[in-house]
């Protein structure tokens, strides 16, 4: 829900040698070489979206490990 939570989860995953990406960060409207336009929704979402590993031979044990790390970082939902 927040960038703080995202960064906490990202660090937890990195500590477990799992490296998610922030493909949609920063929001493109904030790039310095583009005209300044405020896009509140884009900026908010871009700061809170992380792309988890996903590939054809990702096994169920790794999926469970990723889920466990995220749960430990965020606490109960």
N, C-alpha and C. Protein backbone atom coordinates (compact mmCIF):
# COMPACT_ATOMS: atom_id res chain seq x y z
N UNK A 1 0.80 -1.20 0.00
CA UNK A 1 0.00 0.00 0.00
C UNK A 1 0.84 1.26 0.00
N UNK A 2 2.07 1.18 0.51
CA UNK A 2 2.94 2.36 0.56
C UNK A 2 4.31 2.03 -0.03
N UNK A 3 5.03 3.08 -0.40
CA UNK A 3 6.39 2.86 -0.89
C UNK A 3 7.28 2.32 0.23
N UNK A 4 7.01 2.73 1.46
CA UNK A 4 7.77 2.21 2.60
C UNK A 4 7.63 0.70 2.70
N UNK A 5 6.41 0.19 2.54
CA UNK A 5 6.19 -1.25 2.56
C UNK A 5 6.89 -1.93 1.39
N UNK A 6 6.81 -1.32 0.22
CA UNK A 6 7.48 -1.87 -0.96
C UNK A 6 8.97 -2.01 -0.70
N UNK A 7 9.59 -0.97 -0.16
CA UNK A 7 11.03 -1.00 0.08
C UNK A 7 11.39 -2.04 1.13
N UNK A 8 10.54 -2.22 2.13
CA UNK A 8 10.78 -3.24 3.16
C UNK A 8 10.72 -4.63 2.55
N UNK A 9 9.71 -4.88 1.71
CA UNK A 9 9.59 -6.18 1.04
C UNK A 9 10.74 -6.39 0.08
N UNK A 10 11.10 -5.36 -0.67
CA UNK A 10 12.21 -5.47 -1.61
C UNK A 10 13.50 -5.85 -0.89
N UNK A 11 13.75 -5.23 0.25
CA UNK A 11 14.96 -5.55 1.02
C UNK A 11 14.91 -6.98 1.54
N UNK A 12 13.74 -7.39 2.03
CA UNK A 12 13.60 -8.76 2.50
C UNK A 12 13.84 -9.78 1.39
N UNK A 13 13.29 -9.52 0.22
CA UNK A 13 13.51 -10.41 -0.91
C UNK A 13 14.98 -10.41 -1.33
N UNK A 14 15.59 -9.23 -1.39
CA UNK A 14 17.01 -9.15 -1.74
C UNK A 14 17.88 -9.91 -0.75
N UNK A 15 17.53 -9.83 0.53
CA UNK A 15 18.27 -10.58 1.54
C UNK A 15 18.16 -12.09 1.31
N UNK A 16 17.05 -12.51 0.68
CA UNK A 16 16.85 -13.92 0.34
C UNK A 16 17.31 -14.25 -1.07
N UNK A 17 18.10 -13.37 -1.66
CA UNK A 17 18.65 -13.55 -3.01
C UNK A 17 17.55 -13.67 -4.07
N UNK A 18 16.49 -12.90 -3.87
CA UNK A 18 15.42 -12.76 -4.85
C UNK A 18 15.39 -11.29 -5.22
N UNK A 19 15.42 -11.01 -6.51
CA UNK A 19 15.61 -9.63 -6.96
C UNK A 19 14.46 -9.16 -7.83
N UNK A 20 13.43 -8.60 -7.18
CA UNK A 20 12.31 -8.05 -7.94
C UNK A 20 12.74 -6.77 -8.63
N UNK A 21 11.94 -6.31 -9.57
CA UNK A 21 12.26 -5.09 -10.32
C UNK A 21 11.15 -4.06 -10.13
N UNK A 22 11.52 -2.83 -10.31
CA UNK A 22 10.55 -1.73 -10.29
C UNK A 22 10.48 -1.17 -11.72
N UNK A 23 9.88 -1.95 -12.61
CA UNK A 23 9.86 -1.57 -14.02
C UNK A 23 9.08 -0.30 -14.29
N UNK A 24 8.12 0.07 -13.45
CA UNK A 24 7.26 1.21 -13.71
C UNK A 24 7.64 2.42 -12.87
N UNK A 25 8.87 2.42 -12.38
CA UNK A 25 9.34 3.50 -11.52
C UNK A 25 10.56 4.15 -12.14
N UNK A 26 10.64 5.43 -12.17
CA UNK A 26 9.64 6.40 -11.71
C UNK A 26 8.54 6.58 -12.76
N UNK A 27 7.48 7.24 -12.36
CA UNK A 27 6.41 7.56 -13.29
C UNK A 27 7.02 8.40 -14.43
N UNK A 28 6.69 8.04 -15.65
CA UNK A 28 7.34 8.68 -16.80
C UNK A 28 7.11 10.19 -16.86
N UNK A 29 6.03 10.69 -16.30
CA UNK A 29 5.79 12.13 -16.33
C UNK A 29 6.78 12.91 -15.46
N UNK A 30 7.57 12.21 -14.64
CA UNK A 30 8.53 12.90 -13.77
C UNK A 30 9.94 12.98 -14.37
N UNK A 31 10.11 12.42 -15.55
CA UNK A 31 11.43 12.48 -16.18
C UNK A 31 11.77 13.92 -16.52
N UNK A 32 12.99 14.31 -16.23
CA UNK A 32 13.41 15.70 -16.33
C UNK A 32 13.38 16.25 -17.76
N UNK A 33 13.54 15.40 -18.76
CA UNK A 33 13.58 15.89 -20.13
C UNK A 33 12.19 16.02 -20.77
N UNK A 34 11.14 15.72 -20.01
CA UNK A 34 9.78 15.88 -20.49
C UNK A 34 9.14 17.08 -19.82
N UNK A 35 8.15 17.69 -20.49
CA UNK A 35 7.46 18.81 -19.84
C UNK A 35 6.84 18.38 -18.51
N UNK A 36 6.84 19.27 -17.54
CA UNK A 36 6.31 18.97 -16.20
C UNK A 36 4.79 18.88 -16.29
N UNK A 37 4.28 17.68 -16.03
CA UNK A 37 2.84 17.42 -15.98
C UNK A 37 2.59 16.59 -14.72
N UNK A 38 1.62 16.99 -13.94
CA UNK A 38 1.29 16.25 -12.73
C UNK A 38 0.31 15.14 -13.07
N UNK A 39 0.64 13.94 -12.69
CA UNK A 39 -0.23 12.78 -12.87
C UNK A 39 -0.24 12.01 -11.55
N UNK A 40 -1.12 12.44 -10.66
CA UNK A 40 -1.13 11.90 -9.30
C UNK A 40 -1.29 10.39 -9.25
N UNK A 41 -2.22 9.83 -10.02
CA UNK A 41 -2.43 8.38 -10.00
C UNK A 41 -1.20 7.63 -10.46
N UNK A 42 -0.61 8.07 -11.56
CA UNK A 42 0.58 7.41 -12.09
C UNK A 42 1.73 7.47 -11.09
N UNK A 43 1.94 8.62 -10.50
CA UNK A 43 3.03 8.78 -9.55
C UNK A 43 2.82 7.92 -8.31
N UNK A 44 1.59 7.86 -7.83
CA UNK A 44 1.28 7.05 -6.66
C UNK A 44 1.49 5.56 -6.95
N UNK A 45 0.95 5.10 -8.04
CA UNK A 45 1.06 3.68 -8.37
C UNK A 45 2.51 3.29 -8.65
N UNK A 46 3.22 4.13 -9.39
CA UNK A 46 4.61 3.82 -9.75
C UNK A 46 5.48 3.64 -8.51
N UNK A 47 5.16 4.36 -7.45
CA UNK A 47 5.98 4.26 -6.23
C UNK A 47 5.66 3.01 -5.41
N UNK A 48 4.58 2.28 -5.78
CA UNK A 48 4.13 1.15 -4.97
C UNK A 48 4.08 -0.17 -5.72
N UNK A 49 4.54 -0.21 -6.98
CA UNK A 49 4.45 -1.43 -7.78
C UNK A 49 5.82 -2.09 -7.89
N UNK A 50 5.85 -3.38 -7.61
CA UNK A 50 7.08 -4.17 -7.75
C UNK A 50 6.74 -5.40 -8.59
N UNK A 51 7.61 -5.73 -9.51
CA UNK A 51 7.41 -6.91 -10.36
C UNK A 51 8.21 -8.07 -9.76
N UNK A 52 7.48 -9.12 -9.40
CA UNK A 52 8.09 -10.30 -8.80
C UNK A 52 8.64 -11.22 -9.88
N UNK A 53 9.60 -12.06 -9.55
CA UNK A 53 10.14 -13.00 -10.54
C UNK A 53 9.04 -13.91 -11.08
N UNK A 54 9.05 -14.11 -12.37
CA UNK A 54 8.10 -15.01 -13.02
C UNK A 54 8.77 -15.55 -14.28
N UNK A 55 8.97 -16.83 -14.31
CA UNK A 55 9.58 -17.46 -15.47
C UNK A 55 9.13 -18.92 -15.53
N UNK A 56 9.32 -19.53 -16.66
CA UNK A 56 8.72 -20.83 -16.93
C UNK A 56 9.17 -21.94 -15.97
N UNK A 57 10.39 -21.90 -15.50
CA UNK A 57 10.84 -22.98 -14.61
C UNK A 57 10.90 -22.56 -13.14
N UNK A 58 10.13 -21.54 -12.77
CA UNK A 58 10.01 -21.14 -11.37
C UNK A 58 9.22 -22.24 -10.64
N UNK A 59 9.87 -22.86 -9.68
CA UNK A 59 9.20 -24.00 -9.04
C UNK A 59 8.37 -23.56 -7.84
N UNK A 60 7.49 -24.43 -7.41
CA UNK A 60 6.55 -24.12 -6.34
C UNK A 60 7.27 -23.82 -5.02
N UNK A 61 8.39 -24.44 -4.77
CA UNK A 61 9.16 -24.14 -3.55
C UNK A 61 9.61 -22.69 -3.54
N UNK A 62 10.07 -22.21 -4.70
CA UNK A 62 10.49 -20.80 -4.78
C UNK A 62 9.31 -19.85 -4.64
N UNK A 63 8.18 -20.21 -5.23
CA UNK A 63 6.98 -19.39 -5.07
C UNK A 63 6.60 -19.31 -3.60
N UNK A 64 6.62 -20.43 -2.90
CA UNK A 64 6.30 -20.43 -1.48
C UNK A 64 7.31 -19.63 -0.67
N UNK A 65 8.57 -19.70 -1.04
CA UNK A 65 9.61 -18.93 -0.33
C UNK A 65 9.38 -17.42 -0.53
N UNK A 66 9.04 -17.02 -1.75
CA UNK A 66 8.75 -15.61 -2.03
C UNK A 66 7.56 -15.15 -1.21
N UNK A 67 6.50 -15.95 -1.18
CA UNK A 67 5.30 -15.61 -0.42
C UNK A 67 5.60 -15.50 1.08
N UNK A 68 6.42 -16.40 1.59
CA UNK A 68 6.78 -16.40 3.01
C UNK A 68 7.55 -15.13 3.35
N UNK A 69 8.50 -14.76 2.52
CA UNK A 69 9.29 -13.55 2.76
C UNK A 69 8.39 -12.32 2.77
N UNK A 70 7.50 -12.23 1.79
CA UNK A 70 6.58 -11.08 1.72
C UNK A 70 5.71 -11.04 2.96
N UNK A 71 5.18 -12.18 3.37
CA UNK A 71 4.34 -12.24 4.56
C UNK A 71 5.10 -11.81 5.82
N UNK A 72 6.34 -12.24 5.93
CA UNK A 72 7.15 -11.88 7.09
C UNK A 72 7.43 -10.37 7.11
N UNK A 73 7.62 -9.77 5.94
CA UNK A 73 7.91 -8.35 5.87
C UNK A 73 6.69 -7.49 6.16
N UNK A 74 5.51 -7.96 5.73
CA UNK A 74 4.31 -7.15 5.86
C UNK A 74 3.47 -7.49 7.08
N UNK A 75 3.66 -8.69 7.62
CA UNK A 75 2.81 -9.11 8.72
C UNK A 75 1.49 -9.62 8.19
N UNK A 76 0.56 -9.91 9.07
CA UNK A 76 -0.73 -10.47 8.64
C UNK A 76 -1.52 -9.48 7.81
N UNK A 77 -2.25 -10.00 6.84
CA UNK A 77 -3.06 -9.13 5.96
C UNK A 77 -4.39 -8.87 6.59
